[in-house]
C-alpha atoms as a PDB file:
ATOM      1  CA  MET A   1       8.860  15.101  -0.340  1.00  0.00           C
ATOM      2  CA  ASN A   2       9.444  13.191   2.496  1.00  0.00           C
ATOM      3  CA  VAL A   3       7.270   9.937   2.299  1.00  0.00           C
ATOM      4  CA  THR A   4       7.066   7.001   4.996  1.00  0.00           C
ATOM      5  CA  VAL A   5       6.164   3.260   4.864  1.00  0.00           C
ATOM      6  CA  CYS A   6       6.570   1.008   7.290  1.00  0.00           C
ATOM      7  CA  GLU A   7       5.655  -2.364   9.021  1.00  0.00           C
ATOM      8  CA  LEU A   8       3.128  -2.884  11.666  1.00  0.00           C
ATOM      9  CA  PRO A   9       1.474  -5.883  13.542  1.00  0.00           C
ATOM     10  CA  ASN A  10      -2.250  -6.801  12.082  1.00  0.00           C
ATOM     11  CA  ASP A  11      -3.684  -5.661  15.012  1.00  0.00           C
ATOM     12  CA  TRP A  12      -1.760  -2.869  16.061  1.00  0.00           C
ATOM     13  CA  THR A  13      -4.640  -0.308  16.641  1.00  0.00           C
ATOM     14  CA  CYS A  14      -5.418  -2.335  19.612  1.00  0.00           C
ATOM     15  CA  PHE A  15      -1.547  -0.813  20.787  1.00  0.00           C
ATOM     16  CA  PRO A  16      -1.636   2.804  21.739  1.00  0.00           C
ATOM     17  CA  ALA A  17       1.996   2.726  22.121  1.00  0.00           C
ATOM     18  CA  ILE A  18       2.814   1.387  18.702  1.00  0.00           C
ATOM     19  CA  GLN A  19       0.259   4.285  17.468  1.00  0.00           C
ATOM     20  CA  ARG A  20       2.325   7.045  18.843  1.00  0.00           C
ATOM     21  CA  ALA A  21       5.685   5.891  18.077  1.00  0.00           C
ATOM     22  CA  LEU A  22       4.679   6.155  14.322  1.00  0.00           C
ATOM     23  CA  SER A  23       3.300   9.455  15.111  1.00  0.00           C
ATOM     24  CA  ASP A  24       6.111  10.588  16.465  1.00  0.00           C
ATOM     25  CA  HIS A  25       8.492   9.203  13.240  1.00  0.00           C
ATOM     26  CA  LEU A  26       5.966  11.320  11.380  1.00  0.00           C
ATOM     27  CA  GLN A  27       6.363  14.052  13.048  1.00  0.00           C
ATOM     28  CA  GLU A  28      10.013  13.776  13.518  1.00  0.00           C
ATOM     29  CA  ASN A  29      10.963  13.259  10.259  1.00  0.00           C
ATOM     30  CA  ARG A  30       7.941  15.725   8.910  1.00  0.00           C
ATOM     31  CA  THR A  31       6.172  13.464   6.474  1.00  0.00           C
ATOM     32  CA  ASP A  32       4.009  14.503   2.921  1.00  0.00           C
ATOM     33  CA  LEU A  33       2.899  10.936   2.461  1.00  0.00           C
ATOM     34  CA  LEU A  34       2.099   7.995   5.014  1.00  0.00           C
ATOM     35  CA  LEU A  35       1.593   4.470   2.656  1.00  0.00           C
ATOM     36  CA  LEU A  36      -0.122   2.331   5.459  1.00  0.00           C
ATOM     37  CA  PRO A  37      -0.504  -1.861   4.708  1.00  0.00           C
ATOM     38  CA  GLU A  38      -3.147  -3.204   2.748  1.00  0.00           C
ATOM     39  CA  MET A  39      -6.755  -3.117   4.892  1.00  0.00           C
ATOM     40  CA  PRO A  40      -4.626  -2.006   8.592  1.00  0.00           C
ATOM     41  CA  PHE A  41      -7.609  -1.047  11.052  1.00  0.00           C
ATOM     42  CA  TYR A  42      -8.492  -4.468  11.450  1.00  0.00           C
ATOM     43  CA  PRO A  43      -7.091  -7.773  12.635  1.00  0.00           C
ATOM     44  CA  TRP A  44      -6.309  -9.499   8.955  1.00  0.00           C
ATOM     45  CA  LEU A  45      -9.541 -11.874   7.854  1.00  0.00           C
ATOM     46  CA  SER A  46      -8.233 -13.600   5.121  1.00  0.00           C
ATOM     47  CA  ALA A  47      -6.357 -15.890   7.299  1.00  0.00           C
ATOM     48  CA  SER A  48      -9.206 -17.718   7.521  1.00  0.00           C
ATOM     49  CA  ASN A  49     -11.015 -19.527   4.392  1.00  0.00           C
ATOM     50  CA  ASP A  50     -13.922 -19.382   6.381  1.00  0.00           C
ATOM     51  CA  PRO A  51     -15.725 -15.643   5.193  1.00  0.00           C
ATOM     52  CA  ASP A  52     -17.672 -14.205   7.833  1.00  0.00           C
ATOM     53  CA  PRO A  53     -20.494 -11.613   6.738  1.00  0.00           C
ATOM     54  CA  GLN A  54     -20.444 -10.084  10.903  1.00  0.00           C
ATOM     55  CA  ALA A  55     -16.489 -10.013  10.686  1.00  0.00           C
ATOM     56  CA  TRP A  56     -16.681  -8.465   7.194  1.00  0.00           C
ATOM     57  CA  GLN A  57     -18.847  -5.458   8.509  1.00  0.00           C
ATOM     58  CA  ALA A  58     -16.968  -5.103  11.907  1.00  0.00           C
ATOM     59  CA  ALA A  59     -14.176  -4.432   9.470  1.00  0.00           C
ATOM     60  CA  VAL A  60     -15.585  -1.780   7.404  1.00  0.00           C
ATOM     61  CA  LEU A  61     -17.297  -0.361  10.436  1.00  0.00           C
ATOM     62  CA  ALA A  62     -13.763   0.038  12.407  1.00  0.00           C
ATOM     63  CA  HIS A  63     -12.136   1.483   8.370  1.00  0.00           C
ATOM     64  CA  ASP A  64     -14.792   4.082   8.802  1.00  0.00           C
ATOM     65  CA  ALA A  65     -13.912   5.016  11.965  1.00  0.00           C
ATOM     66  CA  TRP A  66     -10.559   5.600  11.125  1.00  0.00           C
ATOM     67  CA  MET A  67     -11.056   6.848   8.609  1.00  0.00           C
ATOM     68  CA  GLU A  68     -12.316  10.032  10.670  1.00  0.00           C
ATOM     69  CA  LYS A  69      -9.006   9.817  12.350  1.00  0.00           C
ATOM     70  CA  LEU A  70      -6.117  10.413  10.156  1.00  0.00           C
ATOM     71  CA  MET A  71      -6.810  13.866  10.914  1.00  0.00           C
ATOM     72  CA  ASP A  72      -4.517  12.496  14.523  1.00  0.00           C
ATOM     73  CA  PHE A  73      -1.715  11.765  12.431  1.00  0.00           C
ATOM     74  CA  ARG A  74      -0.881  15.397  11.712  1.00  0.00           C
ATOM     75  CA  VAL A  75       1.054  14.879   8.045  1.00  0.00           C
ATOM     76  CA  PRO A  76      -0.853  15.870   4.472  1.00  0.00           C
ATOM     77  CA  MET A  77      -1.301  12.576   3.006  1.00  0.00           C
ATOM     78  CA  VAL A  78      -1.939   9.093   4.054  1.00  0.00           C
ATOM     79  CA  ALA A  79      -2.809   6.572   1.546  1.00  0.00           C
ATOM     80  CA  GLY A  80      -3.547   2.286   1.936  1.00  0.00           C
ATOM     81  CA  THR A  81      -6.652   0.299   1.138  1.00  0.00           C
ATOM     82  CA  ARG A  82      -9.806  -0.560   3.047  1.00  0.00           C
ATOM     83  CA  PRO A  83     -12.624  -2.655   2.704  1.00  0.00           C
ATOM     84  CA  MET A  84     -15.924  -1.385   2.561  1.00  0.00           C
ATOM     85  CA  LEU A  85     -19.393  -3.010   1.205  1.00  0.00           C
ATOM     86  CA  ARG A  86     -20.193  -1.666  -2.992  1.00  0.00           C
ATOM     87  CA  ASN A  87     -23.711  -2.233  -3.328  1.00  0.00           C
ATOM     88  CA  GLY A  88     -23.856  -4.641  -1.068  1.00  0.00           C
ATOM     89  CA  HIS A  89     -20.936  -6.754  -2.098  1.00  0.00           C
ATOM     90  CA  PRO A  90     -17.165  -6.396  -0.333  1.00  0.00           C
ATOM     91  CA  ILE A  91     -14.520  -5.094  -1.697  1.00  0.00           C
ATOM     92  CA  ASN A  92     -10.693  -3.858  -0.695  1.00  0.00           C
ATOM     93  CA  ILE A  93     -11.210  -0.754  -2.708  1.00  0.00           C
ATOM     94  CA  ALA A  94      -7.485   1.774  -1.978  1.00  0.00           C
ATOM     95  CA  PHE A  95      -7.477   5.637  -0.916  1.00  0.00           C
ATOM     96  CA  VAL A  96      -5.768   8.945  -0.333  1.00  0.00           C
ATOM     97  CA  TRP A  97      -6.989  11.004   1.891  1.00  0.00           C
ATOM     98  CA  THR A  98      -5.530  14.542   2.402  1.00  0.00           C
ATOM     99  CA  ARG A  99      -6.184  17.291   5.022  1.00  0.00           C
ATOM    100  CA  GLU A 100      -7.487  19.406   2.836  1.00  0.00           C
ATOM    101  CA  LYS A 101     -10.182  17.171   0.697  1.00  0.00           C
ATOM    102  CA  GLY A 102     -10.577  13.731   3.481  1.00  0.00           C
ATOM    103  CA  VAL A 103     -10.926  10.327   1.126  1.00  0.00           C
ATOM    104  CA  ARG A 104     -10.797   9.592  -1.997  1.00  0.00           C
ATOM    105  CA  TYR A 105     -11.336   6.808  -3.387  1.00  0.00           C
ATOM    106  CA  VAL A 106      -9.518   4.871  -6.083  1.00  0.00           C
ATOM    107  CA  HIS A 107      -8.942   1.776  -7.581  1.00  0.00           C
ATOM    108  CA  GLU A 108     -10.233  -1.840  -6.250  1.00  0.00           C
ATOM    109  CA  LYS A 109      -8.612  -4.671  -5.956  1.00  0.00           C
ATOM    110  CA  TYR A 110      -8.787  -6.788  -9.185  1.00  0.00           C
ATOM    111  CA  TYR A 111      -6.135  -9.872  -8.576  1.00  0.00           C
ATOM    112  CA  LEU A 112      -7.043 -12.074  -5.792  1.00  0.00           C
ATOM    113  CA  PRO A 113      -5.486 -14.417  -4.197  1.00  0.00           C
ATOM    114  CA  ASN A 114      -6.891 -18.081  -2.615  1.00  0.00           C
ATOM    115  CA  GLU A 115      -4.591 -19.983  -0.359  1.00  0.00           C
ATOM    116  CA  GLU A 116      -3.170 -20.602   2.985  1.00  0.00           C
ATOM    117  CA  GLY A 117      -3.241 -17.645   5.189  1.00  0.00           C
ATOM    118  CA  PHE A 118      -4.855 -15.258   2.561  1.00  0.00           C
ATOM    119  CA  TRP A 119      -8.287 -16.514   1.081  1.00  0.00           C
ATOM    120  CA  GLU A 120      -9.005 -13.002  -0.231  1.00  0.00           C
ATOM    121  CA  ALA A 121     -11.372 -14.478  -3.241  1.00  0.00           C
ATOM    122  CA  THR A 122     -13.152 -16.054  -0.900  1.00  0.00           C
ATOM    123  CA  TRP A 123     -13.932 -12.939   1.647  1.00  0.00           C
ATOM    124  CA  TYR A 124     -14.449 -10.449  -0.901  1.00  0.00           C
ATOM    125  CA  GLU A 125     -15.260 -10.131  -4.802  1.00  0.00           C
ATOM    126  CA  GLN A 126     -13.121  -8.551  -7.844  1.00  0.00           C
ATOM    127  CA  GLY A 127     -12.980  -4.763  -7.974  1.00  0.00           C
ATOM    128  CA  ASP A 128     -14.455  -2.867 -11.519  1.00  0.00           C
ATOM    129  CA  GLY A 129     -10.800  -3.527 -13.604  1.00  0.00           C
ATOM    130  CA  ALA A 130      -9.878   0.190 -13.307  1.00  0.00           C
ATOM    131  CA  PHE A 131      -6.496   0.594 -12.532  1.00  0.00           C
ATOM    132  CA  GLU A 132      -6.639   5.203 -12.753  1.00  0.00           C
ATOM    133  CA  VAL A 133      -4.281   7.764 -12.254  1.00  0.00           C
ATOM    134  CA  VAL A 134      -5.171  10.126  -9.499  1.00  0.00           C
ATOM    135  CA  GLU A 135      -3.740  13.416  -9.138  1.00  0.00           C
ATOM    136  CA  VAL A 136      -3.609  14.781  -5.520  1.00  0.00           C
ATOM    137  CA  ASN A 137      -1.669  18.124  -4.362  1.00  0.00           C
ATOM    138  CA  GLY A 138       0.670  17.836  -8.075  1.00  0.00           C
ATOM    139  CA  ILE A 139       1.357  14.402  -7.623  1.00  0.00           C
ATOM    140  CA  ARG A 140       0.269  11.234 -10.295  1.00  0.00           C
ATOM    141  CA  ILE A 141      -0.386   8.307  -8.147  1.00  0.00           C
ATOM    142  CA  GLY A 142      -1.052   4.678  -9.313  1.00  0.00           C
ATOM    143  CA  PHE A 143      -1.907   2.055  -6.984  1.00  0.00           C
ATOM    144  CA  LEU A 144      -0.983  -1.998  -7.832  1.00  0.00           C
ATOM    145  CA  ILE A 145      -2.726  -3.486  -4.784  1.00  0.00           C
ATOM    146  CA  CYS A 146      -0.408  -6.760  -3.117  1.00  0.00           C
ATOM    147  CA  THR A 147      -0.921  -9.238  -5.661  1.00  0.00           C
ATOM    148  CA  GLU A 148      -1.616  -6.631  -8.669  1.00  0.00           C
ATOM    149  CA  MET A 149       1.884  -6.080  -8.592  1.00  0.00           C
ATOM    150  CA  TRP A 150       2.900  -9.378 -10.374  1.00  0.00           C
ATOM    151  CA  PHE A 151       0.740  -8.183 -13.052  1.00  0.00           C
ATOM    152  CA  THR A 152       3.447  -5.662 -14.639  1.00  0.00           C
ATOM    153  CA  ARG A 153       1.058  -4.406 -17.450  1.00  0.00           C
ATOM    154  CA  HIS A 154      -0.394  -1.978 -14.916  1.00  0.00           C
ATOM    155  CA  ALA A 155       3.021  -0.634 -14.632  1.00  0.00           C
ATOM    156  CA  ARG A 156       3.892  -0.736 -17.859  1.00  0.00           C
ATOM    157  CA  ASP A 157       0.687   1.801 -18.611  1.00  0.00           C
ATOM    158  CA  TYR A 158       0.946   3.967 -15.130  1.00  0.00           C
ATOM    159  CA  SER A 159       4.530   5.155 -16.647  1.00  0.00           C
ATOM    160  CA  LYS A 160       2.071   6.220 -19.649  1.00  0.00           C
ATOM    161  CA  GLN A 161      -0.194   7.774 -17.758  1.00  0.00           C
ATOM    162  CA  GLY A 162       3.292  10.135 -16.242  1.00  0.00           C
ATOM    163  CA  ILE A 163       2.794   8.746 -13.062  1.00  0.00           C
ATOM    164  CA  HIS A 164       5.228  10.039 -10.136  1.00  0.00           C
ATOM    165  CA  LEU A 165       4.254   7.310  -7.471  1.00  0.00           C
ATOM    166  CA  LEU A 166       3.445   3.864  -7.535  1.00  0.00           C
ATOM    167  CA  LEU A 167       2.168   2.828  -4.426  1.00  0.00           C
ATOM    168  CA  CYS A 168       2.167  -0.881  -3.305  1.00  0.00           C
ATOM    169  CA  PRO A 169       0.157  -1.481   0.146  1.00  0.00           C
ATOM    170  CA  ARG A 170      -0.033  -5.293   1.036  1.00  0.00           C
ATOM    171  CA  ALA A 171      -0.124  -7.638   3.280  1.00  0.00           C
ATOM    172  CA  THR A 172       2.414 -11.082   2.346  1.00  0.00           C
ATOM    173  CA  PRO A 173       4.334 -13.705   4.100  1.00  0.00           C
ATOM    174  CA  ALA A 174       7.805 -13.847   5.155  1.00  0.00           C
ATOM    175  CA  SER A 175       8.694 -16.679   3.082  1.00  0.00           C
ATOM    176  CA  SER A 176       8.643 -14.756   0.263  1.00  0.00           C
ATOM    177  CA  ALA A 177      10.168 -11.490   1.669  1.00  0.00           C
ATOM    178  CA  SER A 178      13.072 -10.769  -0.663  1.00  0.00           C
ATOM    179  CA  THR A 179      11.038 -12.332  -3.843  1.00  0.00           C
ATOM    180  CA  TRP A 180       8.468  -8.899  -2.832  1.00  0.00           C
ATOM    181  CA  VAL A 181      11.347  -6.543  -2.519  1.00  0.00           C
ATOM    182  CA  ALA A 182      12.795  -7.799  -6.437  1.00  0.00           C
ATOM    183  CA  GLY A 183       9.139  -7.500  -7.919  1.00  0.00           C
ATOM    184  CA  GLY A 184       8.716  -4.080  -5.823  1.00  0.00           C
ATOM    185  CA  ARG A 185      12.492  -3.230  -7.670  1.00  0.00           C
ATOM    186  CA  SER A 186      10.565  -3.827 -10.336  1.00  0.00           C
ATOM    187  CA  ALA A 187       7.775  -2.558 -10.726  1.00  0.00           C
ATOM    188  CA  ALA A 188       9.744   1.100 -10.451  1.00  0.00           C
ATOM    189  CA  TRP A 189      12.076  -0.060 -13.465  1.00  0.00           C
ATOM    190  CA  ILE A 190       8.960  -0.554 -15.373  1.00  0.00           C
ATOM    191  CA  SER A 191       6.744   2.497 -13.950  1.00  0.00           C
ATOM    192  CA  GLY A 192       9.417   4.745 -14.167  1.00  0.00           C
ATOM    193  CA  ALA A 193       7.982   5.996 -10.782  1.00  0.00           C
ATOM    194  CA  PHE A 194       9.344   5.949  -7.251  1.00  0.00           C
ATOM    195  CA  CYS A 195       7.322   2.333  -5.928  1.00  0.00           C
ATOM    196  CA  LEU A 196       6.603   2.666  -1.969  1.00  0.00           C
ATOM    197  CA  SER A 197       5.201  -0.331   0.077  1.00  0.00           C
ATOM    198  CA  SER A 198       4.243  -1.354   3.778  1.00  0.00           C
ATOM    199  CA  ASN A 199       3.389  -5.068   5.644  1.00  0.00           C
ATOM    200  CA  PHE A 200       2.197  -6.345   8.386  1.00  0.00           C
ATOM    201  CA  ASN A 201       4.963  -7.916  10.536  1.00  0.00           C
ATOM    202  CA  GLY A 202       4.228 -10.429  13.344  1.00  0.00           C
ATOM    203  CA  PRO A 203       1.864 -13.695  13.014  1.00  0.00           C
ATOM    204  CA  ASN A 204      -0.652 -13.869  10.417  1.00  0.00           C
ATOM    205  CA  THR A 205      -1.307 -17.892  11.261  1.00  0.00           C
ATOM    206  CA  PRO A 206      -0.420 -20.189  13.620  1.00  0.00           C
ATOM    207  CA  ASP A 207       2.049 -21.811  11.169  1.00  0.00           C
ATOM    208  CA  MET A 208       2.860 -17.874   9.269  1.00  0.00           C
ATOM    209  CA  ALA A 209       4.405 -14.994  10.250  1.00  0.00           C
ATOM    210  CA  PHE A 210       3.675 -11.743   7.401  1.00  0.00           C
ATOM    211  CA  GLY A 211       6.789 -10.984   6.032  1.00  0.00           C
ATOM    212  CA  GLY A 212       7.427  -6.440   7.166  1.00  0.00           C
ATOM    213  CA  ALA A 213       9.865  -5.383   4.750  1.00  0.00           C
ATOM    214  CA  GLY A 214       8.354  -1.954   3.726  1.00  0.00           C
ATOM    215  CA  TRP A 215      10.637  -0.498   0.654  1.00  0.00           C
ATOM    216  CA  ILE A 216      11.328   2.427  -1.021  1.00  0.00           C
ATOM    217  CA  THR A 217      12.998   1.788  -4.049  1.00  0.00           C
ATOM    218  CA  GLU A 218      13.881   4.503  -6.695  1.00  0.00           C
ATOM    219  CA  PRO A 219      12.240   5.174 -10.501  1.00  0.00           C
ATOM    220  CA  ASP A 220      15.861   4.744 -12.794  1.00  0.00           C
ATOM    221  CA  GLY A 221      17.356   1.677 -11.928  1.00  0.00           C
ATOM    222  CA  GLY A 222      14.672   0.386  -9.002  1.00  0.00           C
ATOM    223  CA  GLN A 223      17.541   0.513  -7.136  1.00  0.00           C
ATOM    224  CA  VAL A 224      15.892   0.447  -2.575  1.00  0.00           C
ATOM    225  CA  LEU A 225      16.436   3.257  -1.103  1.00  0.00           C
ATOM    226  CA  GLY A 226      15.405   1.574   2.126  1.00  0.00           C
ATOM    227  CA  LEU A 227      13.744  -1.076   3.851  1.00  0.00           C
ATOM    228  CA  THR A 228      11.865  -1.475   6.978  1.00  0.00           C
ATOM    229  CA  ALA A 229      12.471  -4.248   9.765  1.00  0.00           C
ATOM    230  CA  ALA A 230      11.113  -5.388  13.163  1.00  0.00           C
ATOM    231  CA  ALA A 231      13.582  -2.787  14.927  1.00  0.00           C
ATOM    232  CA  ALA A 232      13.092  -0.321  12.623  1.00  0.00           C
ATOM    233  CA  PRO A 233       9.885  -0.933  11.405  1.00  0.00           C
ATOM    234  CA  PHE A 234       8.951   2.967  10.284  1.00  0.00           C
ATOM    235  CA  LEU A 235      11.384   4.294   7.374  1.00  0.00           C
ATOM    236  CA  THR A 236      11.012   8.168   6.089  1.00  0.00           C
ATOM    237  CA  ARG A 237      13.250   8.896   2.887  1.00  0.00           C
ATOM    238  CA  THR A 238      13.258  12.163   0.902  1.00  0.00           C
ATOM    239  CA  ILE A 239      12.169  12.003  -2.994  1.00  0.00           C
ATOM    240  CA  ASP A 240      12.448  14.358  -6.037  1.00  0.00           C
ATOM    241  CA  ILE A 241       9.136  13.431  -8.033  1.00  0.00           C
ATOM    242  CA  GLN A 242      10.656  14.834 -10.862  1.00  0.00           C
ATOM    243  CA  ALA A 243      13.161  12.008 -10.669  1.00  0.00           C
ATOM    244  CA  ALA A 244      10.316  10.191 -11.738  1.00  0.00           C
ATOM    245  CA  VAL A 245       9.299  12.750 -14.552  1.00  0.00           C
ATOM    246  CA  ALA A 246      12.978  12.304 -16.178  1.00  0.00           C
ATOM    247  CA  ALA A 247      12.771   8.952 -15.554  1.00  0.00           C
ATOM    248  CA  LYS A 248      10.065   8.142 -18.332  1.00  0.00           C
ATOM    249  CA  GLN A 249      12.386   8.979 -20.860  1.00  0.00           C
ATOM    250  CA  THR A 250      14.778   6.547 -20.488  1.00  0.00           C
ATOM    251  CA  TYR A 251      15.026   2.766 -20.895  1.00  0.00           C
ATOM    252  CA  PRO A 252      13.292   0.924 -21.014  1.00  0.00           C
ATOM    253  CA  ARG A 253      10.009   3.335 -20.301  1.00  0.00           C
ATOM    254  CA  TYR A 254      10.524   5.328 -23.666  1.00  0.00           C
ATOM    255  CA  VAL A 255      10.898   1.918 -25.864  1.00  0.00           C
ATOM    256  CA  ARG A 256       7.285   1.883 -28.318  1.00  0.00           C
ATOM    257  CA  GLU A 257       5.057  -0.914 -28.944  1.00  0.00           C
END
């Protein structure tokens, strides 16, 4: 299958030229799965430490509208996260959209940072703590949303559940870009799955930029198959999910606990 990751300005939905460029890349590369950054369809709210319920609701409505427009990408699958109100409580939830069945909600973000530019625990609540696998079109997918990637026991648990893809949509700063890529390599190695991540680029706060560097890493060794960059913000690679099946039988995945 052909998988695509990206780096995008956090206000990219305001720029039709960026949307067209992404759509053109998807068609030229015959993408089967597009992974978007974390909460991609509204400017990044957590840059501010002053939560605004009206802004959260506006972000929810913007994501609602884009859920209806994912068909316009003309790819079989799109994944990412979005803001939502669950019984009146704000959460950040992962989704997988397919052309046949529409949106399926998968996993609520549980580990929330709270620091300059990323006041997430101030803006919304922890999820329910379930890290479940979703199977879509025969592909087993697990999510670790941004900060969750550093809690590596979940990558190990996903390995036991036989995932093929570990999706890590994120919003992370330029100052730690290389650290995040190293973490993506480890997540692939631990889970024995292809690890995909998309991120924002460009400004976040006046003193901080997003780091870009979306990646695709392979399952047996965690080698980087490609990185996005400002000059090449979209990246597609052809992967064989059977490599993720085989990786479960090799070190360190086979080691019993």
